[in-house]
Amino acid sequence: MRTVKLKITSTETWYPEVEVPDHVKTDDEILEFISDNDSVCTDNIYDSCSWRNTCDYDTETEVVGDRNDGC
């Protein structure tokens, strides 16, 4: 037996839904509205637990070293 070192990379993506006024059309306008408007709870938007039913996880495992070869 030997010990190897692994690298685990996990990307978490979620898809919150936010109401914006009809006149807010472009992606830039939407992002500006969300960041500048106090009525939008950004803590909720960026809380993955609030949106766990929409979460998508991508995990990658890679071997990065072997103790027996000097790493």
PDB file of N, CA and C in Angstrom:
ATOM      1  N   MET A   1       0.844  -1.188   0.000  1.00  0.00           N
ATOM      2  CA  MET A   1       0.000   0.000   0.000  1.00  0.00           C
ATOM      3  C   MET A   1       0.883   1.242   0.000  1.00  0.00           C
ATOM      4  N   ARG A   2       0.351   2.327  -0.577  1.00  0.00           N
ATOM      5  CA  ARG A   2       1.042   3.605  -0.561  1.00  0.00           C
ATOM      6  C   ARG A   2       0.015   4.718  -0.419  1.00  0.00           C
ATOM      7  N   THR A   3       0.499   5.885  -0.079  1.00  0.00           N
ATOM      8  CA  THR A   3      -0.381   7.037   0.092  1.00  0.00           C
ATOM      9  C   THR A   3      -0.225   7.953  -1.111  1.00  0.00           C
ATOM     10  N   VAL A   4      -1.339   8.333  -1.700  1.00  0.00           N
ATOM     11  CA  VAL A   4      -1.326   9.289  -2.813  1.00  0.00           C
ATOM     12  C   VAL A   4      -2.105  10.527  -2.388  1.00  0.00           C
ATOM     13  N   LYS A   5      -1.778  11.636  -3.015  1.00  0.00           N
ATOM     14  CA  LYS A   5      -2.458  12.895  -2.740  1.00  0.00           C
ATOM     15  C   LYS A   5      -3.441  13.169  -3.872  1.00  0.00           C
ATOM     16  N   LEU A   6      -4.680  13.503  -3.506  1.00  0.00           N
ATOM     17  CA  LEU A   6      -5.713  13.804  -4.484  1.00  0.00           C
ATOM     18  C   LEU A   6      -6.056  15.290  -4.443  1.00  0.00           C
ATOM     19  N   LYS A   7      -6.497  15.778  -5.555  1.00  0.00           N
ATOM     20  CA  LYS A   7      -7.020  17.145  -5.636  1.00  0.00           C
ATOM     21  C   LYS A   7      -8.487  17.014  -6.008  1.00  0.00           C
ATOM     22  N   ILE A   8      -9.354  17.555  -5.179  1.00  0.00           N
ATOM     23  CA  ILE A   8     -10.787  17.523  -5.433  1.00  0.00           C
ATOM     24  C   ILE A   8     -11.224  18.952  -5.759  1.00  0.00           C
ATOM     25  N   THR A   9     -11.812  19.138  -6.908  1.00  0.00           N
ATOM     26  CA  THR A   9     -12.322  20.440  -7.315  1.00  0.00           C
ATOM     27  C   THR A   9     -13.828  20.311  -7.478  1.00  0.00           C
ATOM     28  N   SER A  10     -14.552  21.180  -6.825  1.00  0.00           N
ATOM     29  CA  SER A  10     -16.007  21.132  -6.894  1.00  0.00           C
ATOM     30  C   SER A  10     -16.535  22.501  -7.296  1.00  0.00           C
ATOM     31  N   THR A  11     -17.397  22.505  -8.278  1.00  0.00           N
ATOM     32  CA  THR A  11     -18.053  23.733  -8.715  1.00  0.00           C
ATOM     33  C   THR A  11     -19.537  23.609  -8.393  1.00  0.00           C
ATOM     34  N   GLU A  12     -20.050  24.618  -7.739  1.00  0.00           N
ATOM     35  CA  GLU A  12     -21.448  24.618  -7.325  1.00  0.00           C
ATOM     36  C   GLU A  12     -22.164  25.727  -8.093  1.00  0.00           C
ATOM     37  N   THR A  13     -23.243  25.397  -8.736  1.00  0.00           N
ATOM     38  CA  THR A  13     -24.006  26.372  -9.519  1.00  0.00           C
ATOM     39  C   THR A  13     -25.463  26.304  -9.086  1.00  0.00           C
ATOM     40  N   TRP A  14     -26.078  27.465  -8.870  1.00  0.00           N
ATOM     41  CA  TRP A  14     -27.499  27.483  -8.566  1.00  0.00           C
ATOM     42  C   TRP A  14     -28.178  28.574  -9.363  1.00  0.00           C
ATOM     43  N   TYR A  15     -29.506  28.494  -9.434  1.00  0.00           N
ATOM     44  CA  TYR A  15     -30.277  29.337 -10.339  1.00  0.00           C
ATOM     45  C   TYR A  15     -31.416  30.054  -9.608  1.00  0.00           C
ATOM     46  N   PRO A  16     -31.099  31.124  -8.870  1.00  0.00           N
ATOM     47  CA  PRO A  16     -32.163  31.864  -8.190  1.00  0.00           C
ATOM     48  C   PRO A  16     -33.044  32.619  -9.192  1.00  0.00           C
ATOM     49  N   GLU A  17     -34.261  32.872  -8.769  1.00  0.00           N
ATOM     50  CA  GLU A  17     -35.190  33.649  -9.598  1.00  0.00           C
ATOM     51  C   GLU A  17     -35.504  34.944  -8.871  1.00  0.00           C
ATOM     52  N   VAL A  18     -35.383  36.047  -9.596  1.00  0.00           N
ATOM     53  CA  VAL A  18     -35.551  37.377  -9.015  1.00  0.00           C
ATOM     54  C   VAL A  18     -36.491  38.181  -9.899  1.00  0.00           C
ATOM     55  N   GLU A  19     -37.420  38.892  -9.278  1.00  0.00           N
ATOM     56  CA  GLU A  19     -38.311  39.765 -10.041  1.00  0.00           C
ATOM     57  C   GLU A  19     -37.631  41.101 -10.290  1.00  0.00           C
ATOM     58  N   VAL A  20     -37.704  41.552 -11.534  1.00  0.00           N
ATOM     59  CA  VAL A  20     -37.171  42.861 -11.919  1.00  0.00           C
ATOM     60  C   VAL A  20     -38.255  43.593 -12.702  1.00  0.00           C
ATOM     61  N   PRO A  21     -38.242  44.922 -12.688  1.00  0.00           N
ATOM     62  CA  PRO A  21     -39.243  45.688 -13.436  1.00  0.00           C
ATOM     63  C   PRO A  21     -39.159  45.391 -14.943  1.00  0.00           C
ATOM     64  N   ASP A  22     -40.259  45.574 -15.624  1.00  0.00           N
ATOM     65  CA  ASP A  22     -40.321  45.304 -17.068  1.00  0.00           C
ATOM     66  C   ASP A  22     -39.345  46.142 -17.877  1.00  0.00           C
ATOM     67  N   HIS A  23     -39.040  47.357 -17.413  1.00  0.00           N
ATOM     68  CA  HIS A  23     -38.152  48.228 -18.191  1.00  0.00           C
ATOM     69  C   HIS A  23     -36.678  47.820 -18.071  1.00  0.00           C
ATOM     70  N   VAL A  24     -36.367  46.917 -17.162  1.00  0.00           N
ATOM     71  CA  VAL A  24     -34.997  46.428 -16.995  1.00  0.00           C
ATOM     72  C   VAL A  24     -34.828  45.271 -17.976  1.00  0.00           C
ATOM     73  N   LYS A  25     -34.097  45.501 -19.072  1.00  0.00           N
ATOM     74  CA  LYS A  25     -34.074  44.540 -20.183  1.00  0.00           C
ATOM     75  C   LYS A  25     -32.751  43.783 -20.339  1.00  0.00           C
ATOM     76  N   THR A  26     -31.647  44.488 -20.362  1.00  0.00           N
ATOM     77  CA  THR A  26     -30.379  43.840 -20.704  1.00  0.00           C
ATOM     78  C   THR A  26     -29.770  43.146 -19.475  1.00  0.00           C
ATOM     79  N   ASP A  27     -28.844  42.251 -19.723  1.00  0.00           N
ATOM     80  CA  ASP A  27     -28.152  41.568 -18.625  1.00  0.00           C
ATOM     81  C   ASP A  27     -27.457  42.575 -17.712  1.00  0.00           C
ATOM     82  N   ASP A  28     -26.799  43.576 -18.306  1.00  0.00           N
ATOM     83  CA  ASP A  28     -26.118  44.596 -17.501  1.00  0.00           C
ATOM     84  C   ASP A  28     -27.105  45.376 -16.633  1.00  0.00           C
ATOM     85  N   GLU A  29     -28.263  45.714 -17.196  1.00  0.00           N
ATOM     86  CA  GLU A  29     -29.281  46.437 -16.432  1.00  0.00           C
ATOM     87  C   GLU A  29     -29.813  45.573 -15.287  1.00  0.00           C
ATOM     88  N   ILE A  30     -29.997  44.292 -15.547  1.00  0.00           N
ATOM     89  CA  ILE A  30     -30.490  43.379 -14.506  1.00  0.00           C
ATOM     90  C   ILE A  30     -29.482  43.297 -13.365  1.00  0.00           C
ATOM     91  N   LEU A  31     -28.213  43.107 -13.698  1.00  0.00           N
ATOM     92  CA  LEU A  31     -27.176  43.015 -12.662  1.00  0.00           C
ATOM     93  C   LEU A  31     -27.063  44.319 -11.872  1.00  0.00           C
ATOM     94  N   GLU A  32     -27.182  45.444 -12.553  1.00  0.00           N
ATOM     95  CA  GLU A  32     -27.139  46.742 -11.885  1.00  0.00           C
ATOM     96  C   GLU A  32     -28.339  46.899 -10.955  1.00  0.00           C
ATOM     97  N   PHE A  33     -29.520  46.514 -11.430  1.00  0.00           N
ATOM     98  CA  PHE A  33     -30.725  46.599 -10.608  1.00  0.00           C
ATOM     99  C   PHE A  33     -30.579  45.760  -9.343  1.00  0.00           C
ATOM    100  N   ILE A  34     -30.084  44.551  -9.500  1.00  0.00           N
ATOM    101  CA  ILE A  34     -29.929  43.656  -8.348  1.00  0.00           C
ATOM    102  C   ILE A  34     -28.940  44.225  -7.335  1.00  0.00           C
ATOM    103  N   SER A  35     -27.828  44.760  -7.816  1.00  0.00           N
ATOM    104  CA  SER A  35     -26.809  45.255  -6.888  1.00  0.00           C
ATOM    105  C   SER A  35     -27.180  46.605  -6.262  1.00  0.00           C
ATOM    106  N   ASP A  36     -27.973  47.423  -6.954  1.00  0.00           N
ATOM    107  CA  ASP A  36     -28.280  48.775  -6.468  1.00  0.00           C
ATOM    108  C   ASP A  36     -29.615  48.897  -5.740  1.00  0.00           C
ATOM    109  N   ASN A  37     -30.458  47.896  -5.820  1.00  0.00           N
ATOM    110  CA  ASN A  37     -31.804  48.013  -5.286  1.00  0.00           C
ATOM    111  C   ASN A  37     -31.893  47.327  -3.921  1.00  0.00           C
ATOM    112  N   ASP A  38     -32.211  48.111  -2.893  1.00  0.00           N
ATOM    113  CA  ASP A  38     -32.300  47.572  -1.531  1.00  0.00           C
ATOM    114  C   ASP A  38     -33.444  46.579  -1.357  1.00  0.00           C
ATOM    115  N   SER A  39     -34.430  46.613  -2.231  1.00  0.00           N
ATOM    116  CA  SER A  39     -35.559  45.689  -2.086  1.00  0.00           C
ATOM    117  C   SER A  39     -35.200  44.269  -2.530  1.00  0.00           C
ATOM    118  N   VAL A  40     -34.077  44.124  -3.217  1.00  0.00           N
ATOM    119  CA  VAL A  40     -33.616  42.799  -3.633  1.00  0.00           C
ATOM    120  C   VAL A  40     -32.660  42.282  -2.566  1.00  0.00           C
ATOM    121  N   CYS A  41     -32.977  41.146  -2.009  1.00  0.00           N
ATOM    122  CA  CYS A  41     -32.160  40.575  -0.935  1.00  0.00           C
ATOM    123  C   CYS A  41     -31.021  39.765  -1.554  1.00  0.00           C
ATOM    124  N   THR A  42     -29.876  40.422  -1.738  1.00  0.00           N
ATOM    125  CA  THR A  42     -28.748  39.734  -2.376  1.00  0.00           C
ATOM    126  C   THR A  42     -28.191  38.627  -1.494  1.00  0.00           C
ATOM    127  N   ASP A  43     -28.357  38.725  -0.175  1.00  0.00           N
ATOM    128  CA  ASP A  43     -27.915  37.624   0.697  1.00  0.00           C
ATOM    129  C   ASP A  43     -28.632  36.340   0.307  1.00  0.00           C
ATOM    130  N   ASN A  44     -29.890  36.455   0.000  1.00  0.00           N
ATOM    131  CA  ASN A  44     -30.683  35.296  -0.405  1.00  0.00           C
ATOM    132  C   ASN A  44     -30.238  34.776  -1.773  1.00  0.00           C
ATOM    133  N   ILE A  45     -29.948  35.670  -2.696  1.00  0.00           N
ATOM    134  CA  ILE A  45     -29.527  35.271  -4.038  1.00  0.00           C
ATOM    135  C   ILE A  45     -28.234  34.463  -3.974  1.00  0.00           C
ATOM    136  N   TYR A  46     -27.299  34.897  -3.147  1.00  0.00           N
ATOM    137  CA  TYR A  46     -25.984  34.255  -3.095  1.00  0.00           C
ATOM    138  C   TYR A  46     -25.899  33.143  -2.055  1.00  0.00           C
ATOM    139  N   ASP A  47     -27.013  32.793  -1.443  1.00  0.00           N
ATOM    140  CA  ASP A  47     -27.054  31.702  -0.472  1.00  0.00           C
ATOM    141  C   ASP A  47     -27.507  30.431  -1.183  1.00  0.00           C
ATOM    142  N   SER A  48     -26.560  29.540  -1.454  1.00  0.00           N
ATOM    143  CA  SER A  48     -26.883  28.324  -2.209  1.00  0.00           C
ATOM    144  C   SER A  48     -27.898  27.452  -1.481  1.00  0.00           C
ATOM    145  N   CYS A  49     -27.941  27.521  -0.157  1.00  0.00           N
ATOM    146  CA  CYS A  49     -28.909  26.702   0.591  1.00  0.00           C
ATOM    147  C   CYS A  49     -30.340  27.136   0.299  1.00  0.00           C
ATOM    148  N   SER A  50     -30.530  28.417   0.039  1.00  0.00           N
ATOM    149  CA  SER A  50     -31.873  28.904  -0.290  1.00  0.00           C
ATOM    150  C   SER A  50     -32.364  28.348  -1.620  1.00  0.00           C
ATOM    151  N   TRP A  51     -31.431  27.974  -2.472  1.00  0.00           N
ATOM    152  CA  TRP A  51     -31.772  27.515  -3.822  1.00  0.00           C
ATOM    153  C   TRP A  51     -31.315  26.079  -4.057  1.00  0.00           C
ATOM    154  N   ARG A  52     -31.205  25.295  -2.975  1.00  0.00           N
ATOM    155  CA  ARG A  52     -30.659  23.937  -3.102  1.00  0.00           C
ATOM    156  C   ARG A  52     -31.452  23.055  -4.068  1.00  0.00           C
ATOM    157  N   ASN A  53     -32.726  23.369  -4.282  1.00  0.00           N
ATOM    158  CA  ASN A  53     -33.503  22.576  -5.237  1.00  0.00           C
ATOM    159  C   ASN A  53     -33.116  22.878  -6.685  1.00  0.00           C
ATOM    160  N   THR A  54     -32.307  23.924  -6.901  1.00  0.00           N
ATOM    161  CA  THR A  54     -31.840  24.246  -8.256  1.00  0.00           C
ATOM    162  C   THR A  54     -30.341  24.017  -8.411  1.00  0.00           C
ATOM    163  N   CYS A  55     -29.682  23.498  -7.363  1.00  0.00           N
ATOM    164  CA  CYS A  55     -28.225  23.356  -7.384  1.00  0.00           C
ATOM    165  C   CYS A  55     -27.756  22.267  -8.341  1.00  0.00           C
ATOM    166  N   ASP A  56     -26.634  22.551  -8.953  1.00  0.00           N
ATOM    167  CA  ASP A  56     -25.958  21.613  -9.835  1.00  0.00           C
ATOM    168  C   ASP A  56     -24.505  21.558  -9.382  1.00  0.00           C
ATOM    169  N   TYR A  57     -23.998  20.362  -9.141  1.00  0.00           N
ATOM    170  CA  TYR A  57     -22.629  20.199  -8.658  1.00  0.00           C
ATOM    171  C   TYR A  57     -21.799  19.473  -9.702  1.00  0.00           C
ATOM    172  N   ASP A  58     -20.604  19.950  -9.905  1.00  0.00           N
ATOM    173  CA  ASP A  58     -19.652  19.309 -10.807  1.00  0.00           C
ATOM    174  C   ASP A  58     -18.376  19.091 -10.005  1.00  0.00           C
ATOM    175  N   THR A  59     -17.987  17.831  -9.837  1.00  0.00           N
ATOM    176  CA  THR A  59     -16.817  17.505  -9.035  1.00  0.00           C
ATOM    177  C   THR A  59     -15.817  16.737  -9.873  1.00  0.00           C
ATOM    178  N   GLU A  60     -14.556  17.098  -9.734  1.00  0.00           N
ATOM    179  CA  GLU A  60     -13.474  16.459 -10.480  1.00  0.00           C
ATOM    180  C   GLU A  60     -12.429  15.971  -9.482  1.00  0.00           C
ATOM    181  N   THR A  61     -11.926  14.743  -9.687  1.00  0.00           N
ATOM    182  CA  THR A  61     -10.881  14.182  -8.840  1.00  0.00           C
ATOM    183  C   THR A  61      -9.657  13.897  -9.690  1.00  0.00           C
ATOM    184  N   GLU A  62      -8.501  14.290  -9.164  1.00  0.00           N
ATOM    185  CA  GLU A  62      -7.255  14.139  -9.911  1.00  0.00           C
ATOM    186  C   GLU A  62      -6.151  13.709  -8.937  1.00  0.00           C
ATOM    187  N   VAL A  63      -5.292  12.805  -9.357  1.00  0.00           N
ATOM    188  CA  VAL A  63      -4.136  12.419  -8.562  1.00  0.00           C
ATOM    189  C   VAL A  63      -3.039  13.440  -8.819  1.00  0.00           C
ATOM    190  N   VAL A  64      -2.519  14.061  -7.728  1.00  0.00           N
ATOM    191  CA  VAL A  64      -1.511  15.113  -7.884  1.00  0.00           C
ATOM    192  C   VAL A  64      -0.159  14.729  -7.303  1.00  0.00           C
ATOM    193  N   GLY A  65      -0.064  13.607  -6.611  1.00  0.00           N
ATOM    194  CA  GLY A  65       1.229  13.228  -6.069  1.00  0.00           C
ATOM    195  C   GLY A  65       1.213  11.844  -5.473  1.00  0.00           C
ATOM    196  N   ASP A  66       2.399  11.292  -5.360  1.00  0.00           N
ATOM    197  CA  ASP A  66       2.595   9.975  -4.793  1.00  0.00           C
ATOM    198  C   ASP A  66       3.719  10.095  -3.793  1.00  0.00           C
ATOM    199  N   ARG A  67       3.455   9.812  -2.529  1.00  0.00           N
ATOM    200  CA  ARG A  67       4.473   9.961  -1.485  1.00  0.00           C
ATOM    201  C   ARG A  67       5.728   9.128  -1.770  1.00  0.00           C
ATOM    202  N   ASN A  68       5.576   8.066  -2.499  1.00  0.00           N
ATOM    203  CA  ASN A  68       6.722   7.194  -2.767  1.00  0.00           C
ATOM    204  C   ASN A  68       7.636   7.731  -3.855  1.00  0.00           C
ATOM    205  N   ASP A  69       7.209   8.778  -4.597  1.00  0.00           N
ATOM    206  CA  ASP A  69       8.100   9.332  -5.633  1.00  0.00           C
ATOM    207  C   ASP A  69       8.591  10.735  -5.268  1.00  0.00           C
ATOM    208  N   GLY A  70       8.582  11.051  -3.980  1.00  0.00           N
ATOM    209  CA  GLY A  70       9.173  12.312  -3.519  1.00  0.00           C
ATOM    210  C   GLY A  70       8.236  13.482  -3.466  1.00  0.00           C
ATOM    211  N   CYS A  71       6.965  13.336  -3.749  1.00  0.00           N
ATOM    212  CA  CYS A  71       6.015  14.450  -3.712  1.00  0.00           C
ATOM    213  C   CYS A  71       5.469  14.633  -2.312  1.00  0.00           C
TER     214      CYS A  71
END
